[in-house]
């Protein structure tokens, strides 16, 4: 497991107070650790065909309000269970990677529920949260943000200021595990289903609300006809 030096921690803390923005040398993002969340598909099986991407949403598209736990698009807010399959596709299409020069052996591919993603931190929207998107087959998707383990403040791109060659490390882990392992940040899953019993996060295919209501209506009509 990667640990950050006292110098890097102090430098990062200064960035929080100064509001300075600088280019970080590189990121390491991983869940390849026994204490980290494992990823499963929408059926609950270990995810073996998917990708992890660190990035941000394009301007004036999707965003997430961590206080209300609502997704926002063009003035409208949606809870997770209100999102349609087309909304997931829109999220994926409007998501931009902020890492470049990703090594071939660490390209974010998911195998047996785990991944390692490493690359240079290149472009960003300063006020955007640091989002992680994991996609699987059939439009399965999960999204994550990262929070400071001490203050619970959201990790934004303008909070990051790294000097030297030491990477900025993020892990898919709980706040409890972050504090135990002396990590600066923990993961908050903002789209997907968390299973705390087996420490997994299930990717999501939201059920379109209109389709669900239509099916319920057809079922009611069939029952009514049978009774007649």
Protein backbone atom coordinates (compact mmCIF):
# COMPACT_ATOMS: atom_id res chain seq x y z
CA UNK A 1 0.00 0.00 0.00
CA UNK A 2 1.27 3.47 -0.89
CA UNK A 3 1.83 6.01 1.86
CA UNK A 4 2.51 9.70 1.38
CA UNK A 5 5.44 11.41 3.05
CA UNK A 6 5.04 14.00 5.77
CA UNK A 7 6.37 16.61 3.34
CA UNK A 8 3.70 15.78 0.75
CA UNK A 9 0.96 15.81 3.38
CA UNK A 10 2.09 19.22 4.62
CA UNK A 11 2.31 20.56 1.09
CA UNK A 12 -1.21 19.35 0.31
CA UNK A 13 -2.55 20.92 3.51
CA UNK A 14 -1.06 24.25 2.48
CA UNK A 15 -2.93 24.02 -0.81
CA UNK A 16 -6.24 23.70 1.04
CA UNK A 17 -5.62 26.95 2.87
CA UNK A 18 -3.97 28.91 0.07
CA UNK A 19 -6.33 27.84 -2.69
CA UNK A 20 -3.34 27.47 -5.00
CA UNK A 21 -3.57 25.38 -8.14
CA UNK A 22 -0.63 23.47 -9.52
CA UNK A 23 0.03 20.53 -11.76
CA UNK A 24 0.47 17.29 -9.86
CA UNK A 25 3.08 14.94 -11.26
CA UNK A 26 0.90 11.85 -11.18
CA UNK A 27 -1.97 10.00 -9.56
CA UNK A 28 -2.23 6.42 -8.35
CA UNK A 29 -5.78 5.16 -7.89
CA UNK A 30 -6.41 1.57 -6.83
CA UNK A 31 -8.62 -0.88 -5.02
CA UNK A 32 -6.07 -3.69 -5.19
CA UNK A 33 -5.90 -4.18 -1.45
CA UNK A 34 -7.74 -6.44 1.06
CA UNK A 35 -9.20 -3.44 2.93
CA UNK A 36 -10.51 -1.75 -0.24
CA UNK A 37 -13.88 -2.13 -1.92
CA UNK A 38 -14.12 -4.81 -4.61
CA UNK A 39 -16.22 -4.15 -7.72
CA UNK A 40 -19.09 -6.35 -8.88
CA UNK A 41 -21.38 -6.16 -11.90
CA UNK A 42 -25.12 -5.53 -11.74
CA UNK A 43 -25.69 -9.24 -10.95
CA UNK A 44 -23.30 -9.17 -8.00
CA UNK A 45 -20.52 -11.17 -9.70
CA UNK A 46 -16.88 -9.95 -9.65
CA UNK A 47 -16.38 -7.39 -12.41
CA UNK A 48 -13.96 -8.72 -15.03
CA UNK A 49 -14.77 -6.57 -18.07
CA UNK A 50 -14.65 -2.87 -17.35
CA UNK A 51 -12.56 0.25 -16.98
CA UNK A 52 -11.76 2.79 -14.28
CA UNK A 53 -11.33 6.41 -15.40
CA UNK A 54 -10.37 9.42 -13.28
CA UNK A 55 -11.75 12.69 -14.57
CA UNK A 56 -14.47 15.33 -14.60
CA UNK A 57 -17.75 16.10 -16.32
CA UNK A 58 -17.84 18.49 -19.24
CA UNK A 59 -18.99 22.02 -18.43
CA UNK A 60 -22.77 22.55 -18.08
CA UNK A 61 -23.55 18.85 -18.01
CA UNK A 62 -23.75 16.52 -15.02
CA UNK A 63 -22.72 17.29 -11.45
CA UNK A 64 -23.38 15.77 -8.04
CA UNK A 65 -24.50 17.50 -4.84
CA UNK A 66 -23.00 15.55 -1.93
CA UNK A 67 -25.25 17.34 0.58
CA UNK A 68 -28.60 16.50 -1.02
CA UNK A 69 -27.24 13.31 -2.65
CA UNK A 70 -28.78 14.39 -5.95
CA UNK A 71 -27.51 14.34 -9.51
CA UNK A 72 -27.98 17.64 -11.35
CA UNK A 73 -28.41 18.31 -15.06
CA UNK A 74 -29.40 21.70 -16.50
CA UNK A 75 -31.31 22.82 -13.42
CA UNK A 76 -32.99 19.47 -12.74
CA UNK A 77 -32.13 17.17 -9.83
CA UNK A 78 -32.37 13.38 -9.78
CA UNK A 79 -31.99 10.76 -7.08
CA UNK A 80 -30.13 7.59 -8.02
CA UNK A 81 -33.34 5.59 -8.45
CA UNK A 82 -34.73 8.23 -10.82
CA UNK A 83 -31.93 7.93 -13.37
CA UNK A 84 -32.66 6.20 -16.67
CA UNK A 85 -30.36 4.10 -18.80
CA UNK A 86 -30.09 7.05 -21.19
CA UNK A 87 -28.92 9.23 -18.27
CA UNK A 88 -26.07 6.81 -17.60
CA UNK A 89 -25.08 6.96 -21.25
CA UNK A 90 -25.17 10.76 -21.07
CA UNK A 91 -22.93 10.73 -18.00
CA UNK A 92 -20.41 8.46 -19.72
CA UNK A 93 -20.41 10.55 -22.90
CA UNK A 94 -19.85 13.79 -20.97
CA UNK A 95 -17.04 12.46 -18.77
CA UNK A 96 -13.48 13.51 -19.62
CA UNK A 97 -10.35 11.78 -18.36
CA UNK A 98 -7.86 13.99 -16.52
CA UNK A 99 -4.97 11.51 -16.67
CA UNK A 100 -2.48 11.13 -19.51
CA UNK A 101 0.61 8.96 -20.08
CA UNK A 102 -1.09 5.97 -18.48
CA UNK A 103 1.25 2.93 -18.39
CA UNK A 104 -0.04 -0.07 -20.35
CA UNK A 105 0.14 -2.29 -17.25
CA UNK A 106 -1.95 0.23 -15.28
CA UNK A 107 -4.62 1.30 -17.75
CA UNK A 108 -7.60 1.06 -15.44
CA UNK A 109 -8.86 -2.29 -16.70
CA UNK A 110 -10.84 -4.18 -14.05
CA UNK A 111 -9.97 -7.85 -13.40
CA UNK A 112 -11.60 -9.90 -10.66
CA UNK A 113 -13.10 -6.74 -9.17
CA UNK A 114 -9.78 -4.90 -8.84
CA UNK A 115 -7.84 -2.29 -10.79
CA UNK A 116 -4.77 -0.08 -10.68
CA UNK A 117 -4.77 3.25 -12.51
CA UNK A 118 -1.71 5.48 -12.72
CA UNK A 119 -0.99 8.50 -14.92
CA UNK A 120 0.02 12.12 -15.16
CA UNK A 121 -2.43 14.76 -13.98
CA UNK A 122 -2.84 17.03 -16.96
CA UNK A 123 -6.11 18.90 -17.54
CA UNK A 124 -8.95 19.74 -15.21
CA UNK A 125 -11.80 22.05 -14.32
CA UNK A 126 -10.45 23.66 -11.11
CA UNK A 127 -13.70 23.65 -9.13
CA UNK A 128 -14.73 20.15 -10.21
CA UNK A 129 -14.64 17.28 -7.72
CA UNK A 130 -12.18 14.49 -8.49
CA UNK A 131 -14.59 11.91 -9.90
CA UNK A 132 -13.83 8.26 -10.58
CA UNK A 133 -16.03 6.46 -13.11
CA UNK A 134 -16.10 2.67 -13.43
CA UNK A 135 -17.95 1.19 -16.38
CA UNK A 136 -18.82 -2.40 -17.16
CA UNK A 137 -20.78 -4.16 -19.84
CA UNK A 138 -24.30 -3.14 -20.92
CA UNK A 139 -23.88 0.40 -19.62
CA UNK A 140 -23.20 -0.65 -16.02
CA UNK A 141 -21.73 2.30 -14.17
CA UNK A 142 -20.50 3.42 -10.77
CA UNK A 143 -19.23 6.86 -9.76
CA UNK A 144 -17.09 7.90 -6.79
CA UNK A 145 -15.80 11.05 -5.13
CA UNK A 146 -13.10 11.31 -2.48
CA UNK A 147 -13.28 12.99 0.92
CA UNK A 148 -10.66 14.06 3.41
CA UNK A 149 -10.58 11.47 6.19
CA UNK A 150 -10.09 14.14 8.86
CA UNK A 151 -12.41 16.93 7.74
CA UNK A 152 -14.85 15.16 5.36
CA UNK A 153 -14.23 17.97 2.84
CA UNK A 154 -14.65 17.03 -0.81
CA UNK A 155 -11.48 16.58 -2.88
CA UNK A 156 -11.58 19.08 -5.76
CA UNK A 157 -8.95 19.66 -8.41
CA UNK A 158 -8.15 23.07 -6.93
CA UNK A 159 -7.34 21.39 -3.60
CA UNK A 160 -4.42 19.48 -5.08
CA UNK A 161 -0.89 20.78 -5.02
CA UNK A 162 1.97 18.32 -5.25
CA UNK A 163 5.68 18.95 -5.56
CA UNK A 164 8.35 16.46 -6.52
CA UNK A 165 7.99 12.99 -8.00
CA UNK A 166 5.80 11.39 -5.36
CA UNK A 167 2.36 10.40 -6.73
CA UNK A 168 -0.96 11.45 -5.22
CA UNK A 169 -2.52 8.21 -3.99
CA UNK A 170 -6.23 7.45 -3.76
CA UNK A 171 -7.84 4.20 -2.68
CA UNK A 172 -11.37 2.81 -2.91
CA UNK A 173 -11.78 2.42 0.82
CA UNK A 174 -14.01 3.35 3.73
CA UNK A 175 -13.36 6.24 6.10
CA UNK A 176 -12.66 3.74 8.87
CA UNK A 177 -10.00 1.95 6.83
CA UNK A 178 -8.48 5.25 5.71
CA UNK A 179 -8.02 6.32 9.35
CA UNK A 180 -6.66 2.91 10.36
CA UNK A 181 -4.13 2.89 7.50
CA UNK A 182 -3.17 6.57 7.85
CA UNK A 183 -4.55 7.53 4.44
CA UNK A 184 -5.58 11.09 3.65
CA UNK A 185 -8.75 10.32 1.69
CA UNK A 186 -11.58 7.82 1.63
CA UNK A 187 -14.15 6.93 -1.02
CA UNK A 188 -17.79 7.92 -1.22
CA UNK A 189 -19.82 5.96 -3.76
CA UNK A 190 -22.29 8.37 -5.40
CA UNK A 191 -23.72 5.95 -7.97
CA UNK A 192 -23.86 2.23 -7.25
CA UNK A 193 -24.86 -0.13 -4.46
CA UNK A 194 -22.60 -0.69 -1.45
CA UNK A 195 -22.61 -4.01 0.35
CA UNK A 196 -20.83 -3.50 3.67
CA UNK A 197 -21.04 -7.20 4.59
CA UNK A 198 -18.65 -8.31 1.86
CA UNK A 199 -17.02 -4.92 1.17
CA UNK A 200 -18.19 -4.69 -2.44
CA UNK A 201 -19.65 -2.01 -4.67
CA UNK A 202 -22.13 -3.13 -7.30
CA UNK A 203 -22.27 -1.26 -10.59
CA UNK A 204 -25.70 0.00 -11.50
CA UNK A 205 -28.12 -0.17 -14.42
CA UNK A 206 -30.94 2.12 -13.29
CA UNK A 207 -34.47 1.00 -14.13
CA UNK A 208 -36.27 3.68 -16.18
CA UNK A 209 -39.15 4.94 -14.05
CA UNK A 210 -41.54 5.19 -17.00
CA UNK A 211 -40.87 1.61 -18.04
CA UNK A 212 -41.40 0.36 -14.50
CA UNK A 213 -44.72 2.17 -14.21
CA UNK A 214 -45.83 0.83 -17.59
CA UNK A 215 -45.05 -2.73 -16.56
CA UNK A 216 -46.94 -2.27 -13.30
CA UNK A 217 -49.92 -0.96 -15.24
CA UNK A 218 -49.91 -3.91 -17.64
CA UNK A 219 -49.67 -6.33 -14.72
CA UNK A 220 -52.67 -4.70 -13.03
CA UNK A 221 -54.72 -4.98 -16.23
CA UNK A 222 -53.85 -8.66 -16.62
CA UNK A 223 -54.85 -9.40 -13.03
CA UNK A 224 -58.11 -7.51 -13.51
CA UNK A 225 -58.95 -9.48 -16.66
CA UNK A 226 -58.26 -12.80 -14.94
CA UNK A 227 -60.62 -11.88 -12.11
CA UNK A 228 -63.37 -11.12 -14.61
